[in-house]
N, C-alpha and C. Protein backbone atom coordinates (compact mmCIF):
# COMPACT_ATOMS: atom_id res chain seq x y z
N MET A 1 71.04 83.48 41.14
CA MET A 1 71.49 82.12 41.10
C MET A 1 72.54 81.98 40.01
N LYS A 2 73.65 81.38 40.36
CA LYS A 2 74.72 81.12 39.39
C LYS A 2 74.67 79.65 39.00
N ILE A 3 74.64 79.42 37.69
CA ILE A 3 74.57 78.06 37.16
C ILE A 3 75.71 77.88 36.16
N LYS A 4 76.47 76.79 36.32
CA LYS A 4 77.50 76.48 35.33
C LYS A 4 76.83 76.25 33.98
N LYS A 5 77.47 76.75 32.93
CA LYS A 5 76.91 76.63 31.58
C LYS A 5 76.61 75.19 31.21
N GLU A 6 77.50 74.26 31.57
CA GLU A 6 77.27 72.86 31.22
C GLU A 6 76.00 72.33 31.88
N ILE A 7 75.68 72.82 33.07
CA ILE A 7 74.46 72.38 33.76
C ILE A 7 73.23 72.99 33.09
N SER A 8 73.32 74.27 32.76
CA SER A 8 72.22 74.92 32.03
C SER A 8 71.95 74.17 30.73
N ASP A 9 73.01 73.84 30.00
CA ASP A 9 72.86 73.10 28.75
C ASP A 9 72.20 71.74 28.98
N LYS A 10 72.57 71.08 30.07
CA LYS A 10 72.02 69.73 30.35
C LYS A 10 70.54 69.78 30.72
N ILE A 11 70.12 70.80 31.48
CA ILE A 11 68.70 70.83 31.84
C ILE A 11 67.84 71.24 30.63
N ILE A 12 68.40 72.06 29.75
CA ILE A 12 67.70 72.39 28.50
C ILE A 12 67.58 71.13 27.64
N ALA A 13 68.67 70.37 27.54
CA ALA A 13 68.65 69.12 26.77
C ALA A 13 67.65 68.13 27.36
N HIS A 14 67.59 68.05 28.69
CA HIS A 14 66.63 67.17 29.36
C HIS A 14 65.20 67.59 29.00
N ALA A 15 64.94 68.89 29.02
CA ALA A 15 63.60 69.40 28.67
C ALA A 15 63.25 69.03 27.22
N LYS A 16 64.20 69.21 26.31
CA LYS A 16 63.95 68.89 24.90
C LYS A 16 63.73 67.40 24.69
N GLN A 17 64.51 66.58 25.41
CA GLN A 17 64.41 65.13 25.27
C GLN A 17 63.03 64.63 25.67
N LEU A 18 62.46 65.19 26.72
CA LEU A 18 61.17 64.69 27.22
C LEU A 18 59.96 65.39 26.64
N ALA A 19 60.16 66.54 26.00
CA ALA A 19 59.01 67.29 25.46
C ALA A 19 58.16 66.38 24.58
N PRO A 20 56.85 66.42 24.69
CA PRO A 20 56.06 67.44 25.37
C PRO A 20 55.79 67.17 26.85
N ILE A 21 56.36 66.11 27.40
CA ILE A 21 56.22 65.83 28.84
C ILE A 21 57.13 66.78 29.61
N GLU A 22 56.69 67.22 30.80
CA GLU A 22 57.53 68.08 31.63
C GLU A 22 58.69 67.27 32.19
N ALA A 23 59.89 67.79 32.00
CA ALA A 23 61.09 67.21 32.62
C ALA A 23 61.19 67.81 34.03
N CYS A 24 61.86 67.09 34.93
CA CYS A 24 62.01 67.62 36.29
C CYS A 24 63.26 67.05 36.95
N GLY A 25 63.70 67.72 38.00
CA GLY A 25 64.86 67.25 38.73
C GLY A 25 65.31 68.25 39.77
N TYR A 26 66.48 68.00 40.30
CA TYR A 26 67.09 68.87 41.31
C TYR A 26 68.36 69.49 40.75
N LEU A 27 68.71 70.66 41.28
CA LEU A 27 69.99 71.29 41.02
C LEU A 27 70.72 71.38 42.34
N ALA A 28 72.01 71.04 42.31
CA ALA A 28 72.82 71.07 43.53
C ALA A 28 73.98 72.03 43.33
N SER A 29 74.35 72.68 44.41
CA SER A 29 75.40 73.69 44.32
C SER A 29 76.51 73.45 45.33
N GLN A 30 77.63 74.07 45.02
CA GLN A 30 78.77 74.08 45.92
C GLN A 30 79.35 75.49 45.83
N ASP A 31 79.59 76.10 46.98
CA ASP A 31 80.10 77.47 47.04
C ASP A 31 79.22 78.44 46.25
N GLY A 32 77.91 78.22 46.30
CA GLY A 32 76.97 79.14 45.69
C GLY A 32 76.80 79.02 44.19
N ILE A 33 77.40 78.00 43.58
CA ILE A 33 77.29 77.81 42.13
C ILE A 33 76.69 76.44 41.84
N VAL A 34 75.62 76.41 41.05
CA VAL A 34 75.01 75.14 40.66
C VAL A 34 76.00 74.40 39.77
N CYS A 35 76.40 73.21 40.24
CA CYS A 35 77.44 72.46 39.55
C CYS A 35 77.02 71.03 39.20
N LYS A 36 75.79 70.65 39.59
CA LYS A 36 75.31 69.30 39.29
C LYS A 36 73.80 69.32 39.14
N HIS A 37 73.32 68.54 38.21
CA HIS A 37 71.88 68.38 38.08
C HIS A 37 71.54 66.91 38.25
N TYR A 38 70.37 66.67 38.74
CA TYR A 38 69.86 65.31 38.91
C TYR A 38 68.54 65.22 38.14
N GLU A 39 68.53 64.43 37.09
CA GLU A 39 67.31 64.21 36.33
C GLU A 39 66.46 63.20 37.08
N LEU A 40 65.24 63.58 37.42
CA LEU A 40 64.32 62.68 38.08
C LEU A 40 63.19 62.31 37.13
N ILE A 41 62.54 61.23 37.41
CA ILE A 41 61.42 60.77 36.59
C ILE A 41 60.17 61.54 36.99
N ASN A 42 59.48 62.07 36.01
CA ASN A 42 58.18 62.69 36.24
C ASN A 42 57.16 61.56 36.30
N ILE A 43 56.81 61.14 37.51
CA ILE A 43 55.91 59.99 37.63
C ILE A 43 54.50 60.30 37.14
N ASP A 44 54.18 61.59 36.98
CA ASP A 44 52.87 61.95 36.41
C ASP A 44 52.87 61.76 34.89
N ASN A 45 54.07 61.76 34.28
CA ASN A 45 54.21 61.63 32.82
C ASN A 45 53.23 62.56 32.11
N SER A 46 53.24 63.84 32.55
CA SER A 46 52.25 64.80 32.09
C SER A 46 52.89 65.97 31.35
N GLU A 47 52.11 66.57 30.46
CA GLU A 47 52.53 67.76 29.74
C GLU A 47 52.27 69.04 30.54
N GLU A 48 51.57 68.91 31.68
CA GLU A 48 51.14 70.09 32.43
C GLU A 48 51.61 70.13 33.87
N HIS A 49 52.15 69.05 34.38
CA HIS A 49 52.63 69.06 35.77
C HIS A 49 53.60 67.91 35.98
N PHE A 50 54.25 67.92 37.14
CA PHE A 50 55.21 66.87 37.44
C PHE A 50 55.11 66.49 38.91
N SER A 51 55.55 65.28 39.20
CA SER A 51 55.71 64.79 40.57
C SER A 51 56.94 63.91 40.60
N PHE A 52 57.66 63.98 41.72
CA PHE A 52 58.82 63.13 41.93
C PHE A 52 58.40 61.81 42.56
N ASP A 53 59.16 60.76 42.29
CA ASP A 53 59.03 59.51 43.02
C ASP A 53 59.72 59.73 44.37
N PRO A 54 59.02 59.55 45.50
CA PRO A 54 59.63 59.84 46.81
C PRO A 54 60.94 59.09 47.07
N LYS A 55 61.03 57.84 46.65
CA LYS A 55 62.27 57.08 46.88
C LYS A 55 63.42 57.67 46.06
N GLU A 56 63.16 57.99 44.78
CA GLU A 56 64.18 58.59 43.94
C GLU A 56 64.58 59.97 44.49
N GLN A 57 63.60 60.71 44.97
CA GLN A 57 63.85 62.03 45.55
C GLN A 57 64.76 61.91 46.79
N PHE A 58 64.45 60.98 47.67
CA PHE A 58 65.26 60.76 48.87
C PHE A 58 66.69 60.37 48.50
N ASN A 59 66.83 59.44 47.55
CA ASN A 59 68.17 58.99 47.15
C ASN A 59 68.99 60.11 46.52
N THR A 60 68.33 60.98 45.79
CA THR A 60 69.01 62.12 45.17
C THR A 60 69.54 63.08 46.22
N VAL A 61 68.70 63.42 47.18
CA VAL A 61 69.11 64.34 48.25
C VAL A 61 70.26 63.71 49.05
N LYS A 62 70.16 62.42 49.31
CA LYS A 62 71.22 61.72 50.04
C LYS A 62 72.53 61.76 49.26
N ASP A 63 72.48 61.53 47.94
CA ASP A 63 73.68 61.56 47.12
C ASP A 63 74.31 62.96 47.13
N ALA A 64 73.49 63.97 46.99
CA ALA A 64 74.02 65.35 47.00
C ALA A 64 74.73 65.63 48.32
N ARG A 65 74.10 65.31 49.41
CA ARG A 65 74.70 65.57 50.72
C ARG A 65 75.99 64.77 50.92
N THR A 66 75.98 63.51 50.48
CA THR A 66 77.17 62.67 50.59
C THR A 66 78.34 63.28 49.84
N ASN A 67 78.05 63.97 48.73
CA ASN A 67 79.08 64.58 47.91
C ASN A 67 79.36 66.04 48.26
N GLY A 68 78.86 66.49 49.43
CA GLY A 68 79.14 67.84 49.89
C GLY A 68 78.43 68.93 49.12
N LEU A 69 77.31 68.58 48.50
CA LEU A 69 76.55 69.55 47.72
C LEU A 69 75.27 69.94 48.46
N ASP A 70 74.81 71.14 48.17
CA ASP A 70 73.54 71.61 48.70
C ASP A 70 72.48 71.52 47.62
N VAL A 71 71.36 70.88 47.93
CA VAL A 71 70.25 70.89 46.98
C VAL A 71 69.67 72.30 47.04
N SER A 72 69.86 73.03 45.95
CA SER A 72 69.51 74.45 45.98
C SER A 72 68.29 74.80 45.13
N ALA A 73 67.85 73.88 44.27
CA ALA A 73 66.70 74.19 43.43
C ALA A 73 66.02 72.93 42.92
N VAL A 74 64.73 73.08 42.67
CA VAL A 74 63.95 72.13 41.90
C VAL A 74 63.85 72.75 40.51
N TYR A 75 64.05 71.94 39.48
CA TYR A 75 63.82 72.46 38.14
C TYR A 75 62.77 71.62 37.44
N HIS A 76 62.05 72.26 36.55
CA HIS A 76 61.14 71.53 35.67
C HIS A 76 60.95 72.35 34.40
N SER A 77 60.41 71.70 33.40
CA SER A 77 60.24 72.37 32.12
C SER A 77 58.79 72.74 31.87
N HIS A 78 58.64 73.77 31.05
CA HIS A 78 57.36 74.14 30.48
C HIS A 78 57.54 74.02 28.97
N PRO A 79 57.19 72.87 28.41
CA PRO A 79 57.43 72.65 26.98
C PRO A 79 56.73 73.63 26.05
N ALA A 80 55.57 74.14 26.47
CA ALA A 80 54.80 74.99 25.55
C ALA A 80 54.37 76.32 26.16
N THR A 81 54.80 76.60 27.40
CA THR A 81 54.40 77.84 28.06
C THR A 81 55.63 78.58 28.57
N PRO A 82 55.48 79.87 28.88
CA PRO A 82 56.63 80.66 29.33
C PRO A 82 57.25 80.17 30.63
N ALA A 83 58.46 80.64 30.88
CA ALA A 83 59.21 80.28 32.09
C ALA A 83 58.74 81.15 33.26
N ARG A 84 57.53 80.86 33.70
CA ARG A 84 57.00 81.51 34.90
C ARG A 84 56.15 80.48 35.63
N PRO A 85 56.12 80.56 36.95
CA PRO A 85 55.38 79.55 37.71
C PRO A 85 53.88 79.58 37.41
N SER A 86 53.33 78.39 37.22
CA SER A 86 51.88 78.26 37.06
C SER A 86 51.24 78.34 38.45
N GLN A 87 49.94 78.43 38.49
CA GLN A 87 49.25 78.44 39.78
C GLN A 87 49.54 77.15 40.55
N GLU A 88 49.63 76.03 39.84
CA GLU A 88 49.95 74.76 40.49
C GLU A 88 51.38 74.78 41.03
N ASP A 89 52.33 75.33 40.24
CA ASP A 89 53.72 75.44 40.71
C ASP A 89 53.77 76.23 42.01
N ILE A 90 53.04 77.32 42.07
CA ILE A 90 53.03 78.18 43.26
C ILE A 90 52.41 77.42 44.43
N ARG A 91 51.32 76.76 44.19
CA ARG A 91 50.62 76.03 45.26
C ARG A 91 51.48 74.91 45.83
N LEU A 92 52.29 74.27 44.98
CA LEU A 92 53.08 73.12 45.43
C LEU A 92 54.51 73.49 45.87
N ALA A 93 54.84 74.77 45.90
CA ALA A 93 56.18 75.22 46.31
C ALA A 93 56.24 75.25 47.84
N TYR A 94 56.62 74.13 48.42
CA TYR A 94 56.60 73.99 49.88
C TYR A 94 57.86 74.45 50.58
N ASP A 95 58.99 74.44 49.90
CA ASP A 95 60.25 74.73 50.57
C ASP A 95 60.70 76.17 50.27
N PRO A 96 60.62 77.05 51.28
CA PRO A 96 61.01 78.45 51.06
C PRO A 96 62.51 78.66 50.94
N ASN A 97 63.29 77.61 51.21
CA ASN A 97 64.75 77.74 51.21
C ASN A 97 65.41 77.42 49.88
N ILE A 98 64.63 76.92 48.93
CA ILE A 98 65.22 76.57 47.64
C ILE A 98 64.64 77.45 46.54
N SER A 99 65.27 77.38 45.39
CA SER A 99 64.79 78.10 44.22
C SER A 99 64.00 77.15 43.33
N TYR A 100 63.18 77.74 42.51
CA TYR A 100 62.39 76.98 41.56
C TYR A 100 62.77 77.46 40.16
N VAL A 101 63.42 76.59 39.42
CA VAL A 101 63.94 76.92 38.10
C VAL A 101 63.00 76.32 37.05
N ILE A 102 62.65 77.15 36.06
CA ILE A 102 61.76 76.70 34.99
C ILE A 102 62.49 76.87 33.66
N VAL A 103 62.48 75.79 32.88
CA VAL A 103 63.06 75.79 31.54
C VAL A 103 61.90 75.81 30.56
N SER A 104 61.76 76.91 29.83
CA SER A 104 60.69 77.01 28.83
C SER A 104 61.24 76.70 27.44
N LEU A 105 60.43 75.99 26.67
CA LEU A 105 60.74 75.72 25.26
C LEU A 105 59.68 76.34 24.36
N ALA A 106 58.86 77.24 24.91
CA ALA A 106 57.76 77.84 24.18
C ALA A 106 58.25 78.58 22.94
N ASP A 107 57.50 78.47 21.89
CA ASP A 107 57.79 79.16 20.63
C ASP A 107 59.17 78.83 20.07
N GLY A 108 59.68 77.65 20.40
CA GLY A 108 60.97 77.22 19.88
C GLY A 108 62.17 77.93 20.48
N LYS A 109 61.95 78.67 21.57
CA LYS A 109 63.04 79.39 22.22
C LYS A 109 63.33 78.77 23.58
N GLU A 110 64.60 78.73 23.95
CA GLU A 110 65.02 78.20 25.25
C GLU A 110 65.13 79.36 26.23
N ASP A 111 64.49 79.22 27.37
CA ASP A 111 64.51 80.28 28.38
C ASP A 111 64.59 79.62 29.75
N VAL A 112 65.58 80.01 30.54
CA VAL A 112 65.76 79.46 31.88
C VAL A 112 65.61 80.60 32.88
N LYS A 113 64.64 80.46 33.78
CA LYS A 113 64.41 81.48 34.81
C LYS A 113 64.29 80.81 36.17
N SER A 114 64.59 81.60 37.21
CA SER A 114 64.56 81.09 38.57
C SER A 114 63.69 82.00 39.43
N PHE A 115 63.05 81.36 40.42
CA PHE A 115 62.14 82.08 41.31
C PHE A 115 62.29 81.57 42.74
N LYS A 116 62.07 82.47 43.68
CA LYS A 116 61.85 82.09 45.07
C LYS A 116 60.35 82.18 45.26
N ILE A 117 59.77 81.17 45.88
CA ILE A 117 58.33 81.16 46.13
C ILE A 117 58.12 80.88 47.61
N VAL A 118 57.58 81.87 48.31
CA VAL A 118 57.36 81.75 49.75
C VAL A 118 55.93 82.18 50.05
N ASP A 119 55.18 81.28 50.67
CA ASP A 119 53.78 81.56 51.04
C ASP A 119 52.98 82.13 49.87
N GLY A 120 53.18 81.56 48.69
CA GLY A 120 52.42 81.98 47.52
C GLY A 120 52.94 83.23 46.84
N LYS A 121 53.97 83.85 47.39
CA LYS A 121 54.56 85.06 46.79
C LYS A 121 55.74 84.66 45.92
N VAL A 122 55.72 85.10 44.66
CA VAL A 122 56.74 84.73 43.68
C VAL A 122 57.68 85.90 43.46
N ASP A 123 58.97 85.66 43.67
CA ASP A 123 59.99 86.67 43.42
C ASP A 123 60.99 86.13 42.41
N PRO A 124 61.13 86.80 41.27
CA PRO A 124 62.14 86.37 40.28
C PRO A 124 63.54 86.49 40.86
N GLU A 125 64.40 85.59 40.42
CA GLU A 125 65.81 85.61 40.82
C GLU A 125 66.65 85.76 39.56
N GLU A 126 67.70 86.54 39.66
CA GLU A 126 68.59 86.67 38.52
C GLU A 126 69.29 85.33 38.29
N VAL A 127 69.41 84.93 37.02
CA VAL A 127 70.15 83.72 36.66
C VAL A 127 71.40 84.17 35.93
N GLU A 128 72.53 83.75 36.45
CA GLU A 128 73.81 84.05 35.81
C GLU A 128 74.45 82.75 35.37
N ILE A 129 74.71 82.62 34.07
CA ILE A 129 75.37 81.43 33.54
C ILE A 129 76.87 81.68 33.60
N VAL A 130 77.60 80.78 34.28
CA VAL A 130 79.04 80.97 34.47
C VAL A 130 79.80 79.82 33.81
N ALA A 131 81.07 80.11 33.47
CA ALA A 131 81.92 79.11 32.81
C ALA A 131 82.27 77.98 33.76
């Protein structure tokens, strides 16, 4: 997965802003490069999981499509745990066509990782930060 540096910086900032609550949102791409992020409200307001508001989720997908972008990933933060999918993340990964990006702030370090999750099987994806 290729992510523009400014987008990577913004999702890390979003994670820091909401910590210890999990931040969440969508990443949208054009020509295979993530070029826009959409910060969504974590309606669970939880330190351990997140849920999207269905209306906000629908409007976000509609906006991305209207602007010629592909919704290519869901992102969320792990304020205190590593950037790897939890059992709940795996269980709730319903769309095999998108990536699941996790921003970890554990131990005061920023770590962004991406995964494909299909039928409970987790495969890491290389993340390349581009200018």
